[in-house]
Amino acid sequence: MLRSEYNTTSDAVWLAALPEVAPKNVLDVGIGTGGVALCLHHHFPDAKIMGIDIAQDMLNICAKNATLNQCDIELENQDILSWSTPRTFDLVVSNPPYFLGTPSKKHPQAHHNVDLSRWIKRCAARVCPQGYFCTIVDASRLGEVMGVICKSFGSITLVPLFGAKQTAERVLIRARLCNRGGSVIHIGYPMRYDPILREGLTIQNILSKIDPQC
């Protein structure tokens, strides 16, 4: 990854580790400089990846990162809140702008204080029947996200992530469209968890190694 003022955080690595089924095509909403997409390419090298973002300067860096990593990503300068398209995808991922705060003076075009419920609805509309939606959000905003997801999705999986606090700081969410399977809350993980961040494993890899007798 090129170093820039838009450096990838651990959120991107965790999000890319969440899907459990290899997709044929992926949409990364708010792709930024490509952190999630490139990690997904590592896990699912045969998947066709498309990314959209409102910031063209981020897309320019993303294109360079994709070339450096020999990853073919279709990029479009689009705003998910206004994007009109009939396309749907096996997997839609998004690391949404969930923080509330003062808009950036350097990048006023970027989303701040976004209507997160509307963002999630627009992402969900791009998932094909029986496809998956994966996201990561601040734990404080879990309620509004789940309020949208539960209306159309089933087989919902939640994975809490812990930092220095005794309560979860982030929550990973995976859900399947037009499916009424039950919900599962997995064991939580520390946000600085080397098997994910340094060894490149997926959450499914880790779960498969847990001894059920322990």
N, C-alpha and C. Protein backbone atom coordinates (compact mmCIF):
# COMPACT_ATOMS: atom_id res chain seq x y z
N MET A 1 0.84 -1.20 0.00
CA MET A 1 0.00 0.00 0.00
C MET A 1 0.88 1.25 0.00
N LEU A 2 0.52 2.23 -0.83
CA LEU A 2 1.21 3.51 -0.82
C LEU A 2 0.90 4.26 0.47
N ARG A 3 1.92 4.85 1.07
CA ARG A 3 1.68 5.65 2.26
C ARG A 3 1.13 7.01 1.83
N SER A 4 0.08 7.44 2.51
CA SER A 4 -0.55 8.72 2.18
C SER A 4 -1.26 9.21 3.42
N GLU A 5 -2.00 10.32 3.29
CA GLU A 5 -2.77 10.79 4.44
C GLU A 5 -3.99 9.91 4.67
N TYR A 6 -4.27 8.97 3.76
CA TYR A 6 -5.39 8.03 3.91
C TYR A 6 -4.84 6.64 4.19
N ASN A 7 -4.27 6.41 5.35
CA ASN A 7 -3.69 5.12 5.64
C ASN A 7 -4.75 4.14 6.13
N THR A 8 -4.61 2.88 5.71
CA THR A 8 -5.57 1.85 6.07
C THR A 8 -5.48 1.52 7.55
N THR A 9 -6.62 1.33 8.19
CA THR A 9 -6.66 0.96 9.61
C THR A 9 -6.97 -0.53 9.74
N SER A 10 -6.92 -1.01 10.97
CA SER A 10 -7.23 -2.42 11.23
C SER A 10 -8.68 -2.75 10.90
N ASP A 11 -9.57 -1.75 10.91
CA ASP A 11 -10.97 -2.00 10.56
C ASP A 11 -11.08 -2.68 9.19
N ALA A 12 -10.27 -2.21 8.24
CA ALA A 12 -10.32 -2.75 6.88
C ALA A 12 -9.90 -4.21 6.85
N VAL A 13 -8.86 -4.55 7.61
CA VAL A 13 -8.36 -5.91 7.63
C VAL A 13 -9.39 -6.85 8.26
N TRP A 14 -9.98 -6.39 9.36
CA TRP A 14 -11.01 -7.20 10.02
C TRP A 14 -12.21 -7.42 9.11
N LEU A 15 -12.65 -6.36 8.43
CA LEU A 15 -13.82 -6.48 7.57
C LEU A 15 -13.58 -7.48 6.45
N ALA A 16 -12.40 -7.44 5.86
CA ALA A 16 -12.08 -8.37 4.76
C ALA A 16 -11.97 -9.81 5.24
N ALA A 17 -11.73 -10.00 6.54
CA ALA A 17 -11.61 -11.35 7.09
C ALA A 17 -12.96 -11.95 7.46
N LEU A 18 -14.04 -11.18 7.33
CA LEU A 18 -15.35 -11.63 7.79
C LEU A 18 -16.11 -12.57 6.86
N PRO A 19 -16.11 -12.38 5.53
CA PRO A 19 -16.89 -13.27 4.66
C PRO A 19 -16.47 -14.73 4.82
N GLU A 20 -17.47 -15.63 4.79
CA GLU A 20 -17.16 -17.05 4.95
C GLU A 20 -17.33 -17.84 3.66
N VAL A 21 -17.98 -17.25 2.65
CA VAL A 21 -18.22 -17.91 1.37
C VAL A 21 -17.51 -17.14 0.27
N ALA A 22 -16.80 -17.84 -0.58
CA ALA A 22 -16.09 -17.18 -1.68
C ALA A 22 -17.08 -16.57 -2.66
N PRO A 23 -17.05 -15.25 -2.87
CA PRO A 23 -17.98 -14.60 -3.80
C PRO A 23 -17.44 -14.61 -5.22
N LYS A 24 -18.37 -14.51 -6.18
CA LYS A 24 -17.97 -14.33 -7.57
C LYS A 24 -17.68 -12.87 -7.86
N ASN A 25 -18.50 -11.99 -7.27
CA ASN A 25 -18.29 -10.56 -7.48
C ASN A 25 -18.56 -9.79 -6.19
N VAL A 26 -17.82 -8.72 -6.03
CA VAL A 26 -17.84 -7.95 -4.78
C VAL A 26 -17.99 -6.47 -5.09
N LEU A 27 -18.78 -5.77 -4.28
CA LEU A 27 -18.84 -4.32 -4.32
C LEU A 27 -18.33 -3.79 -3.00
N ASP A 28 -17.32 -2.92 -3.07
CA ASP A 28 -16.79 -2.26 -1.88
C ASP A 28 -17.28 -0.82 -1.90
N VAL A 29 -18.17 -0.50 -0.98
CA VAL A 29 -18.78 0.82 -0.93
C VAL A 29 -17.94 1.73 -0.03
N GLY A 30 -17.45 2.83 -0.62
CA GLY A 30 -16.52 3.69 0.10
C GLY A 30 -15.15 3.04 0.14
N ILE A 31 -14.68 2.65 -1.04
CA ILE A 31 -13.46 1.84 -1.13
C ILE A 31 -12.21 2.57 -0.65
N GLY A 32 -12.23 3.91 -0.67
CA GLY A 32 -11.07 4.66 -0.21
C GLY A 32 -9.83 4.32 -1.02
N THR A 33 -8.74 4.02 -0.34
CA THR A 33 -7.49 3.70 -1.02
C THR A 33 -7.32 2.21 -1.27
N GLY A 34 -8.35 1.41 -0.94
CA GLY A 34 -8.36 0.01 -1.35
C GLY A 34 -7.99 -1.00 -0.28
N GLY A 35 -7.91 -0.61 0.97
CA GLY A 35 -7.50 -1.53 2.02
C GLY A 35 -8.35 -2.78 2.11
N VAL A 36 -9.67 -2.61 2.16
CA VAL A 36 -10.57 -3.77 2.26
C VAL A 36 -10.48 -4.61 0.99
N ALA A 37 -10.54 -3.96 -0.16
CA ALA A 37 -10.55 -4.67 -1.44
C ALA A 37 -9.29 -5.51 -1.63
N LEU A 38 -8.14 -4.96 -1.28
CA LEU A 38 -6.89 -5.70 -1.47
C LEU A 38 -6.80 -6.89 -0.52
N CYS A 39 -7.30 -6.73 0.69
CA CYS A 39 -7.34 -7.86 1.62
C CYS A 39 -8.32 -8.92 1.12
N LEU A 40 -9.45 -8.50 0.57
CA LEU A 40 -10.40 -9.45 -0.01
C LEU A 40 -9.77 -10.21 -1.18
N HIS A 41 -8.99 -9.50 -1.98
CA HIS A 41 -8.30 -10.15 -3.10
C HIS A 41 -7.35 -11.23 -2.59
N HIS A 42 -6.72 -10.98 -1.46
CA HIS A 42 -5.83 -11.99 -0.86
C HIS A 42 -6.62 -13.23 -0.47
N HIS A 43 -7.79 -13.02 0.14
CA HIS A 43 -8.60 -14.16 0.60
C HIS A 43 -9.34 -14.86 -0.55
N PHE A 44 -9.79 -14.07 -1.53
CA PHE A 44 -10.61 -14.61 -2.63
C PHE A 44 -10.05 -14.10 -3.97
N PRO A 45 -8.94 -14.63 -4.42
CA PRO A 45 -8.26 -14.09 -5.61
C PRO A 45 -9.06 -14.19 -6.90
N ASP A 46 -10.07 -15.05 -6.96
CA ASP A 46 -10.85 -15.21 -8.18
C ASP A 46 -12.05 -14.27 -8.25
N ALA A 47 -12.34 -13.57 -7.18
CA ALA A 47 -13.51 -12.69 -7.16
C ALA A 47 -13.27 -11.43 -7.98
N LYS A 48 -14.28 -10.98 -8.70
CA LYS A 48 -14.23 -9.72 -9.42
C LYS A 48 -14.66 -8.61 -8.46
N ILE A 49 -13.83 -7.59 -8.33
CA ILE A 49 -14.08 -6.55 -7.33
C ILE A 49 -14.35 -5.22 -7.99
N MET A 50 -15.41 -4.57 -7.51
CA MET A 50 -15.72 -3.21 -7.93
C MET A 50 -15.73 -2.33 -6.69
N GLY A 51 -15.23 -1.12 -6.82
CA GLY A 51 -15.24 -0.19 -5.71
C GLY A 51 -15.77 1.16 -6.13
N ILE A 52 -16.56 1.78 -5.25
CA ILE A 52 -17.03 3.14 -5.50
C ILE A 52 -16.62 4.03 -4.34
N ASP A 53 -16.41 5.30 -4.65
CA ASP A 53 -16.09 6.27 -3.61
C ASP A 53 -16.43 7.65 -4.13
N ILE A 54 -16.78 8.53 -3.22
CA ILE A 54 -17.13 9.90 -3.58
C ILE A 54 -15.89 10.75 -3.83
N ALA A 55 -14.74 10.31 -3.30
CA ALA A 55 -13.51 11.10 -3.38
C ALA A 55 -12.60 10.59 -4.49
N GLN A 56 -12.43 11.37 -5.55
CA GLN A 56 -11.62 10.95 -6.68
C GLN A 56 -10.15 10.81 -6.30
N ASP A 57 -9.66 11.63 -5.38
CA ASP A 57 -8.25 11.52 -4.99
C ASP A 57 -7.98 10.18 -4.31
N MET A 58 -8.93 9.68 -3.55
CA MET A 58 -8.78 8.36 -2.95
C MET A 58 -8.78 7.27 -4.02
N LEU A 59 -9.66 7.41 -5.00
CA LEU A 59 -9.72 6.43 -6.08
C LEU A 59 -8.41 6.40 -6.87
N ASN A 60 -7.79 7.56 -7.04
CA ASN A 60 -6.50 7.61 -7.75
C ASN A 60 -5.43 6.81 -7.01
N ILE A 61 -5.41 6.94 -5.68
CA ILE A 61 -4.45 6.18 -4.88
C ILE A 61 -4.81 4.70 -4.91
N CYS A 62 -6.11 4.41 -4.86
CA CYS A 62 -6.58 3.02 -4.90
C CYS A 62 -6.12 2.34 -6.19
N ALA A 63 -6.22 3.04 -7.29
CA ALA A 63 -5.80 2.47 -8.57
C ALA A 63 -4.32 2.13 -8.56
N LYS A 64 -3.51 2.99 -7.96
CA LYS A 64 -2.07 2.72 -7.87
C LYS A 64 -1.80 1.53 -6.95
N ASN A 65 -2.54 1.46 -5.84
CA ASN A 65 -2.36 0.33 -4.93
C ASN A 65 -2.76 -0.99 -5.58
N ALA A 66 -3.82 -0.94 -6.38
CA ALA A 66 -4.26 -2.15 -7.08
C ALA A 66 -3.19 -2.62 -8.07
N THR A 67 -2.59 -1.67 -8.78
CA THR A 67 -1.53 -2.02 -9.73
C THR A 67 -0.33 -2.62 -9.01
N LEU A 68 0.06 -2.01 -7.89
CA LEU A 68 1.20 -2.52 -7.12
C LEU A 68 0.97 -3.95 -6.64
N ASN A 69 -0.30 -4.27 -6.35
CA ASN A 69 -0.62 -5.59 -5.82
C ASN A 69 -1.18 -6.54 -6.89
N GLN A 70 -1.05 -6.14 -8.16
CA GLN A 70 -1.51 -6.96 -9.28
C GLN A 70 -2.96 -7.41 -9.08
N CYS A 71 -3.78 -6.45 -8.72
CA CYS A 71 -5.20 -6.72 -8.46
C CYS A 71 -6.04 -5.85 -9.40
N ASP A 72 -6.91 -6.47 -10.14
CA ASP A 72 -7.77 -5.76 -11.09
C ASP A 72 -9.04 -5.33 -10.38
N ILE A 73 -9.20 -4.04 -10.13
CA ILE A 73 -10.39 -3.51 -9.46
C ILE A 73 -11.08 -2.51 -10.38
N GLU A 74 -12.37 -2.68 -10.58
CA GLU A 74 -13.17 -1.72 -11.33
C GLU A 74 -13.54 -0.58 -10.39
N LEU A 75 -13.17 0.64 -10.75
CA LEU A 75 -13.39 1.79 -9.87
C LEU A 75 -14.32 2.80 -10.52
N GLU A 76 -15.23 3.35 -9.71
CA GLU A 76 -16.12 4.41 -10.19
C GLU A 76 -16.25 5.48 -9.12
N ASN A 77 -16.26 6.74 -9.58
CA ASN A 77 -16.46 7.88 -8.70
C ASN A 77 -17.97 8.07 -8.51
N GLN A 78 -18.50 7.42 -7.47
CA GLN A 78 -19.93 7.43 -7.22
C GLN A 78 -20.20 7.65 -5.74
N ASP A 79 -21.37 8.20 -5.45
CA ASP A 79 -21.86 8.38 -4.09
C ASP A 79 -22.95 7.35 -3.86
N ILE A 80 -22.77 6.44 -2.91
CA ILE A 80 -23.75 5.37 -2.68
C ILE A 80 -25.14 5.94 -2.37
N LEU A 81 -25.19 7.15 -1.80
CA LEU A 81 -26.48 7.72 -1.43
C LEU A 81 -27.28 8.23 -2.64
N SER A 82 -26.62 8.36 -3.79
CA SER A 82 -27.32 8.83 -4.99
C SER A 82 -27.06 7.96 -6.21
N TRP A 83 -26.24 6.94 -6.10
CA TRP A 83 -25.86 6.08 -7.22
C TRP A 83 -27.07 5.32 -7.74
N SER A 84 -27.31 5.44 -9.05
CA SER A 84 -28.42 4.73 -9.69
C SER A 84 -27.85 3.66 -10.61
N THR A 85 -28.11 2.40 -10.27
CA THR A 85 -27.59 1.28 -11.05
C THR A 85 -28.46 0.05 -10.81
N PRO A 86 -28.61 -0.82 -11.83
CA PRO A 86 -29.35 -2.07 -11.63
C PRO A 86 -28.44 -3.20 -11.14
N ARG A 87 -27.15 -2.95 -11.03
CA ARG A 87 -26.20 -4.02 -10.70
C ARG A 87 -26.36 -4.49 -9.26
N THR A 88 -26.24 -5.81 -9.09
CA THR A 88 -26.21 -6.38 -7.75
C THR A 88 -25.00 -7.32 -7.65
N PHE A 89 -24.65 -7.69 -6.42
CA PHE A 89 -23.41 -8.40 -6.18
C PHE A 89 -23.62 -9.52 -5.16
N ASP A 90 -22.78 -10.57 -5.29
CA ASP A 90 -22.82 -11.67 -4.32
C ASP A 90 -22.45 -11.19 -2.93
N LEU A 91 -21.52 -10.24 -2.89
CA LEU A 91 -21.04 -9.71 -1.61
C LEU A 91 -20.88 -8.21 -1.71
N VAL A 92 -21.49 -7.51 -0.77
CA VAL A 92 -21.29 -6.06 -0.65
C VAL A 92 -20.63 -5.82 0.70
N VAL A 93 -19.53 -5.08 0.69
CA VAL A 93 -18.84 -4.74 1.93
C VAL A 93 -18.77 -3.23 2.05
N SER A 94 -18.76 -2.76 3.28
CA SER A 94 -18.63 -1.31 3.49
C SER A 94 -18.07 -1.04 4.88
N ASN A 95 -17.03 -0.22 4.91
CA ASN A 95 -16.52 0.34 6.15
C ASN A 95 -17.04 1.77 6.18
N PRO A 96 -18.25 1.97 6.69
CA PRO A 96 -18.95 3.25 6.50
C PRO A 96 -18.39 4.36 7.39
N PRO A 97 -18.72 5.61 7.06
CA PRO A 97 -18.29 6.75 7.88
C PRO A 97 -19.17 6.86 9.12
N TYR A 98 -18.88 6.00 10.10
CA TYR A 98 -19.76 5.91 11.27
C TYR A 98 -19.44 6.92 12.36
N PHE A 99 -18.28 7.59 12.27
CA PHE A 99 -17.93 8.55 13.32
C PHE A 99 -18.74 9.84 13.17
N LEU A 100 -19.09 10.41 14.30
CA LEU A 100 -19.74 11.71 14.33
C LEU A 100 -18.70 12.75 14.73
N GLY A 101 -18.71 13.90 14.06
CA GLY A 101 -17.72 14.91 14.41
C GLY A 101 -17.67 16.03 13.40
N THR A 102 -16.62 16.85 13.50
CA THR A 102 -16.46 18.01 12.63
C THR A 102 -15.96 17.59 11.25
N PRO A 103 -16.59 18.03 10.18
CA PRO A 103 -16.13 17.68 8.83
C PRO A 103 -14.71 18.14 8.58
N SER A 104 -14.01 17.39 7.73
CA SER A 104 -12.62 17.71 7.38
C SER A 104 -12.56 18.97 6.51
N LYS A 105 -11.65 19.89 6.84
CA LYS A 105 -11.47 21.08 6.02
C LYS A 105 -10.73 20.74 4.73
N LYS A 106 -9.84 19.71 4.80
CA LYS A 106 -9.09 19.33 3.62
C LYS A 106 -9.95 18.62 2.59
N HIS A 107 -10.95 17.87 3.07
CA HIS A 107 -11.74 17.04 2.17
C HIS A 107 -13.24 17.23 2.47
N PRO A 108 -13.76 18.41 2.14
CA PRO A 108 -15.17 18.69 2.46
C PRO A 108 -16.15 17.83 1.69
N GLN A 109 -15.67 17.15 0.60
CA GLN A 109 -16.58 16.33 -0.17
C GLN A 109 -16.85 14.98 0.51
N ALA A 110 -16.01 14.61 1.48
CA ALA A 110 -16.16 13.32 2.14
C ALA A 110 -17.38 13.33 3.05
N HIS A 111 -17.94 12.15 3.26
CA HIS A 111 -19.12 12.03 4.12
C HIS A 111 -18.75 12.21 5.59
N HIS A 112 -19.51 13.02 6.30
CA HIS A 112 -19.36 13.18 7.74
C HIS A 112 -20.76 13.21 8.34
N ASN A 113 -20.88 12.71 9.56
CA ASN A 113 -22.19 12.69 10.23
C ASN A 113 -23.26 12.13 9.31
N VAL A 114 -22.91 11.05 8.61
CA VAL A 114 -23.80 10.47 7.61
C VAL A 114 -25.03 9.85 8.26
N ASP A 115 -26.12 9.83 7.53
CA ASP A 115 -27.31 9.08 7.95
C ASP A 115 -26.99 7.60 7.75
N LEU A 116 -26.52 6.96 8.81
CA LEU A 116 -26.00 5.60 8.69
C LEU A 116 -27.08 4.61 8.27
N SER A 117 -28.30 4.82 8.73
CA SER A 117 -29.40 3.93 8.33
C SER A 117 -29.62 3.99 6.82
N ARG A 118 -29.58 5.19 6.26
CA ARG A 118 -29.76 5.34 4.82
C ARG A 118 -28.59 4.73 4.05
N TRP A 119 -27.38 4.91 4.57
CA TRP A 119 -26.18 4.33 3.95
C TRP A 119 -26.32 2.81 3.86
N ILE A 120 -26.72 2.19 4.97
CA ILE A 120 -26.86 0.73 5.01
C ILE A 120 -27.96 0.27 4.06
N LYS A 121 -29.08 1.00 4.00
CA LYS A 121 -30.15 0.65 3.08
C LYS A 121 -29.67 0.67 1.64
N ARG A 122 -28.88 1.68 1.29
CA ARG A 122 -28.39 1.79 -0.08
C ARG A 122 -27.40 0.67 -0.40
N CYS A 123 -26.61 0.28 0.59
CA CYS A 123 -25.71 -0.86 0.39
C CYS A 123 -26.51 -2.15 0.22
N ALA A 124 -27.51 -2.32 1.05
CA ALA A 124 -28.33 -3.54 1.00
C ALA A 124 -29.02 -3.69 -0.34
N ALA A 125 -29.37 -2.57 -0.97
CA ALA A 125 -30.05 -2.62 -2.26
C ALA A 125 -29.17 -3.17 -3.37
N ARG A 126 -27.88 -3.24 -3.16
CA ARG A 126 -26.95 -3.72 -4.16
C ARG A 126 -26.58 -5.20 -3.96
N VAL A 127 -27.18 -5.84 -2.96
CA VAL A 127 -26.92 -7.26 -2.70
C VAL A 127 -27.91 -8.10 -3.49
N CYS A 128 -27.43 -9.13 -4.18
CA CYS A 128 -28.32 -10.01 -4.93
C CYS A 128 -29.03 -10.96 -3.97
N PRO A 129 -30.17 -11.56 -4.35
CA PRO A 129 -30.86 -12.51 -3.49
C PRO A 129 -29.92 -13.62 -3.02
N GLN A 130 -29.97 -13.90 -1.74
CA GLN A 130 -29.10 -14.89 -1.08
C GLN A 130 -27.63 -14.45 -1.02
N GLY A 131 -27.36 -13.21 -1.41
CA GLY A 131 -26.02 -12.67 -1.29
C GLY A 131 -25.77 -12.16 0.12
N TYR A 132 -24.55 -11.68 0.36
CA TYR A 132 -24.14 -11.29 1.69
C TYR A 132 -23.77 -9.81 1.77
N PHE A 133 -24.02 -9.23 2.93
CA PHE A 133 -23.58 -7.88 3.24
C PHE A 133 -22.71 -7.96 4.48
N CYS A 134 -21.53 -7.35 4.43
CA CYS A 134 -20.61 -7.33 5.56
C CYS A 134 -20.20 -5.89 5.86
N THR A 135 -20.18 -5.55 7.13
CA THR A 135 -19.79 -4.20 7.52
C THR A 135 -19.15 -4.22 8.89
N ILE A 136 -18.54 -3.12 9.26
CA ILE A 136 -17.98 -2.91 10.60
C ILE A 136 -18.42 -1.54 11.07
N VAL A 137 -18.89 -1.45 12.31
CA VAL A 137 -19.38 -0.18 12.83
C VAL A 137 -18.91 0.02 14.26
N ASP A 138 -18.91 1.26 14.68
CA ASP A 138 -18.65 1.56 16.08
C ASP A 138 -19.78 0.95 16.91
N ALA A 139 -19.43 0.34 18.03
CA ALA A 139 -20.43 -0.36 18.83
C ALA A 139 -21.57 0.56 19.28
N SER A 140 -21.29 1.84 19.44
CA SER A 140 -22.31 2.78 19.88
C SER A 140 -23.42 2.98 18.85
N ARG A 141 -23.17 2.57 17.59
CA ARG A 141 -24.16 2.77 16.53
C ARG A 141 -24.74 1.45 16.03
N LEU A 142 -24.51 0.39 16.79
CA LEU A 142 -24.98 -0.93 16.39
C LEU A 142 -26.50 -0.97 16.25
N GLY A 143 -27.22 -0.31 17.14
CA GLY A 143 -28.68 -0.38 17.14
C GLY A 143 -29.29 0.12 15.84
N GLU A 144 -28.83 1.27 15.34
CA GLU A 144 -29.44 1.82 14.12
C GLU A 144 -29.09 0.98 12.90
N VAL A 145 -27.90 0.36 12.90
CA VAL A 145 -27.53 -0.51 11.78
C VAL A 145 -28.36 -1.79 11.79
N MET A 146 -28.50 -2.39 12.95
CA MET A 146 -29.27 -3.63 13.05
C MET A 146 -30.75 -3.39 12.75
N GLY A 147 -31.24 -2.20 13.05
CA GLY A 147 -32.63 -1.88 12.75
C GLY A 147 -32.92 -1.97 11.26
N VAL A 148 -31.94 -1.66 10.43
CA VAL A 148 -32.08 -1.76 8.98
C VAL A 148 -31.85 -3.19 8.51
N ILE A 149 -30.79 -3.81 8.98
CA ILE A 149 -30.41 -5.14 8.50
C ILE A 149 -31.48 -6.19 8.81
N CYS A 150 -32.06 -6.12 9.98
CA CYS A 150 -33.03 -7.15 10.39
C CYS A 150 -34.30 -7.15 9.54
N LYS A 151 -34.57 -6.07 8.81
CA LYS A 151 -35.78 -6.01 7.99
C LYS A 151 -35.69 -6.87 6.74
N SER A 152 -34.49 -7.09 6.21
CA SER A 152 -34.35 -7.81 4.94
C SER A 152 -33.40 -9.00 5.01
N PHE A 153 -32.58 -9.05 6.04
CA PHE A 153 -31.53 -10.06 6.10
C PHE A 153 -31.78 -11.07 7.22
N GLY A 154 -31.19 -12.26 7.05
CA GLY A 154 -31.18 -13.27 8.09
C GLY A 154 -29.79 -13.84 8.21
N SER A 155 -29.68 -14.94 8.97
CA SER A 155 -28.37 -15.57 9.21
C SER A 155 -27.34 -14.50 9.59
N ILE A 156 -27.71 -13.68 10.56
CA ILE A 156 -26.88 -12.55 10.96
C ILE A 156 -25.82 -13.00 11.95
N THR A 157 -24.58 -12.64 11.66
CA THR A 157 -23.45 -12.97 12.52
C THR A 157 -22.82 -11.69 13.05
N LEU A 158 -22.63 -11.64 14.36
CA LEU A 158 -22.00 -10.49 15.00
C LEU A 158 -20.69 -10.94 15.64
N VAL A 159 -19.64 -10.15 15.43
CA VAL A 159 -18.34 -10.43 16.04
C VAL A 159 -17.86 -9.15 16.72
N PRO A 160 -17.88 -9.09 18.06
CA PRO A 160 -17.41 -7.88 18.76
C PRO A 160 -15.89 -7.83 18.80
N LEU A 161 -15.36 -6.61 18.74
CA LEU A 161 -13.91 -6.38 18.80
C LEU A 161 -13.61 -5.44 19.96
N PHE A 162 -12.59 -5.79 20.73
CA PHE A 162 -12.28 -5.06 21.95
C PHE A 162 -10.92 -4.38 21.85
N GLY A 163 -10.87 -3.14 22.33
CA GLY A 163 -9.61 -2.41 22.44
C GLY A 163 -9.19 -2.38 23.90
N ALA A 164 -8.93 -1.17 24.41
CA ALA A 164 -8.50 -1.03 25.79
C ALA A 164 -9.67 -1.03 26.77
N LYS A 165 -10.87 -0.81 26.27
CA LYS A 165 -12.04 -0.75 27.14
C LYS A 165 -12.55 -2.15 27.48
N GLN A 166 -13.41 -2.23 28.48
CA GLN A 166 -14.00 -3.50 28.85
C GLN A 166 -15.28 -3.79 28.06
N THR A 167 -15.68 -2.85 27.25
CA THR A 167 -16.81 -3.05 26.36
C THR A 167 -16.33 -3.02 24.91
N ALA A 168 -17.08 -3.65 24.02
CA ALA A 168 -16.69 -3.71 22.61
C ALA A 168 -16.61 -2.31 22.02
N GLU A 169 -15.58 -2.09 21.19
CA GLU A 169 -15.43 -0.80 20.51
C GLU A 169 -15.95 -0.85 19.07
N ARG A 170 -15.82 -1.98 18.42
CA ARG A 170 -16.33 -2.19 17.07
C ARG A 170 -17.14 -3.48 17.05
N VAL A 171 -18.02 -3.58 16.07
CA VAL A 171 -18.77 -4.82 15.84
C VAL A 171 -18.76 -5.12 14.36
N LEU A 172 -18.33 -6.33 14.01
CA LEU A 172 -18.43 -6.83 12.65
C LEU A 172 -19.79 -7.46 12.46
N ILE A 173 -20.40 -7.21 11.30
CA ILE A 173 -21.74 -7.75 11.01
C ILE A 173 -21.72 -8.42 9.64
N ARG A 174 -22.19 -9.65 9.60
CA ARG A 174 -22.38 -10.36 8.33
C ARG A 174 -23.82 -10.84 8.27
N ALA A 175 -24.48 -10.60 7.14
CA ALA A 175 -25.88 -10.98 7.02
C ALA A 175 -26.19 -11.42 5.59
N ARG A 176 -27.22 -12.27 5.45
CA ARG A 176 -27.56 -12.82 4.14
C ARG A 176 -28.96 -12.35 3.73
N LEU A 177 -29.06 -11.84 2.50
CA LEU A 177 -30.32 -11.29 2.02
C LEU A 177 -31.33 -12.39 1.71
N CYS A 178 -32.60 -12.14 2.02
CA CYS A 178 -33.71 -13.07 1.74
C CYS A 178 -33.49 -14.41 2.43
N ASN A 179 -32.88 -14.37 3.59
CA ASN A 179 -32.64 -15.59 4.34
C ASN A 179 -33.13 -15.36 5.76
N ARG A 180 -33.81 -16.34 6.34
CA ARG A 180 -34.39 -16.19 7.66
C ARG A 180 -33.68 -17.03 8.72
N GLY A 181 -32.43 -17.38 8.48
CA GLY A 181 -31.66 -18.11 9.48
C GLY A 181 -31.49 -17.28 10.74
N GLY A 182 -31.22 -17.94 11.84
CA GLY A 182 -31.08 -17.27 13.12
C GLY A 182 -29.80 -16.46 13.23
N SER A 183 -29.70 -15.70 14.31
CA SER A 183 -28.54 -14.85 14.55
C SER A 183 -27.53 -15.54 15.46
N VAL A 184 -26.27 -15.19 15.29
CA VAL A 184 -25.18 -15.76 16.07
C VAL A 184 -24.26 -14.62 16.53
N ILE A 185 -23.88 -14.64 17.79
CA ILE A 185 -22.88 -13.72 18.32
C ILE A 185 -21.66 -14.54 18.67
N HIS A 186 -20.55 -14.30 17.98
CA HIS A 186 -19.33 -15.07 18.21
C HIS A 186 -18.52 -14.50 19.37
N ILE A 187 -17.58 -15.27 19.82
CA ILE A 187 -16.64 -14.82 20.82
C ILE A 187 -15.95 -13.55 20.33
N GLY A 188 -15.68 -12.63 21.24
CA GLY A 188 -15.02 -11.40 20.84
C GLY A 188 -13.51 -11.58 20.69
N TYR A 189 -12.90 -10.64 19.96
CA TYR A 189 -11.46 -10.68 19.74
C TYR A 189 -10.85 -9.31 20.07
N PRO A 190 -9.59 -9.30 20.48
CA PRO A 190 -8.90 -8.01 20.63
C PRO A 190 -8.67 -7.40 19.26
N MET A 191 -8.79 -6.09 19.14
CA MET A 191 -8.63 -5.44 17.85
C MET A 191 -7.22 -5.64 17.29
N ARG A 192 -6.23 -5.76 18.16
CA ARG A 192 -4.85 -6.04 17.73
C ARG A 192 -4.60 -7.54 17.87
N TYR A 193 -5.16 -8.30 16.97
CA TYR A 193 -5.11 -9.76 17.02
C TYR A 193 -4.27 -10.25 15.85
N ASP A 194 -3.07 -10.71 16.14
CA ASP A 194 -2.09 -11.02 15.10
C ASP A 194 -2.54 -12.04 14.06
N PRO A 195 -3.28 -13.10 14.43
CA PRO A 195 -3.70 -14.06 13.39
C PRO A 195 -4.48 -13.40 12.25
N ILE A 196 -5.23 -12.33 12.55
CA ILE A 196 -5.96 -11.59 11.51
C ILE A 196 -5.08 -10.52 10.89
N LEU A 197 -4.44 -9.71 11.72
CA LEU A 197 -3.75 -8.52 11.23
C LEU A 197 -2.39 -8.82 10.61
N ARG A 198 -1.70 -9.85 11.08
CA ARG A 198 -0.35 -10.11 10.59
C ARG A 198 -0.21 -11.43 9.83
N GLU A 199 -1.00 -12.42 10.23
CA GLU A 199 -0.88 -13.72 9.58
C GLU A 199 -1.84 -13.89 8.40
N GLY A 200 -2.77 -12.97 8.24
CA GLY A 200 -3.66 -12.99 7.09
C GLY A 200 -4.73 -14.05 7.12
N LEU A 201 -5.13 -14.51 8.31
CA LEU A 201 -6.19 -15.51 8.41
C LEU A 201 -7.56 -14.83 8.34
N THR A 202 -8.57 -15.63 8.06
CA THR A 202 -9.96 -15.15 8.12
C THR A 202 -10.56 -15.59 9.46
N ILE A 203 -11.68 -14.98 9.80
CA ILE A 203 -12.36 -15.38 11.02
C ILE A 203 -12.80 -16.84 10.93
N GLN A 204 -13.21 -17.27 9.73
CA GLN A 204 -13.61 -18.66 9.55
C GLN A 204 -12.42 -19.60 9.79
N ASN A 205 -11.22 -19.21 9.34
CA ASN A 205 -10.02 -20.00 9.62
C ASN A 205 -9.84 -20.21 11.11
N ILE A 206 -10.00 -19.13 11.86
CA ILE A 206 -9.78 -19.18 13.30
C ILE A 206 -10.85 -20.03 13.99
N LEU A 207 -12.11 -19.84 13.60
CA LEU A 207 -13.19 -20.60 14.22
C LEU A 207 -13.05 -22.09 13.96
N SER A 208 -12.53 -22.46 12.80
CA SER A 208 -12.39 -23.87 12.46
C SER A 208 -11.32 -24.56 13.28
N LYS A 209 -10.43 -23.76 13.90
CA LYS A 209 -9.35 -24.33 14.70
C LYS A 209 -9.69 -24.41 16.18
N ILE A 210 -10.83 -23.82 16.58
CA ILE A 210 -11.22 -23.84 18.00
C ILE A 210 -11.69 -25.23 18.37
N ASP A 211 -11.12 -25.80 19.41
CA ASP A 211 -11.51 -27.12 19.89
C ASP A 211 -12.83 -27.00 20.64
N PRO A 212 -13.93 -27.63 20.15
CA PRO A 212 -15.22 -27.50 20.82
C PRO A 212 -15.24 -28.10 22.22
N GLN A 213 -14.23 -28.91 22.57
CA GLN A 213 -14.17 -29.53 23.88
C GLN A 213 -13.55 -28.61 24.92
N CYS A 214 -12.93 -27.50 24.44
CA CYS A 214 -12.27 -26.59 25.39
C CYS A 214 -13.28 -25.71 26.11
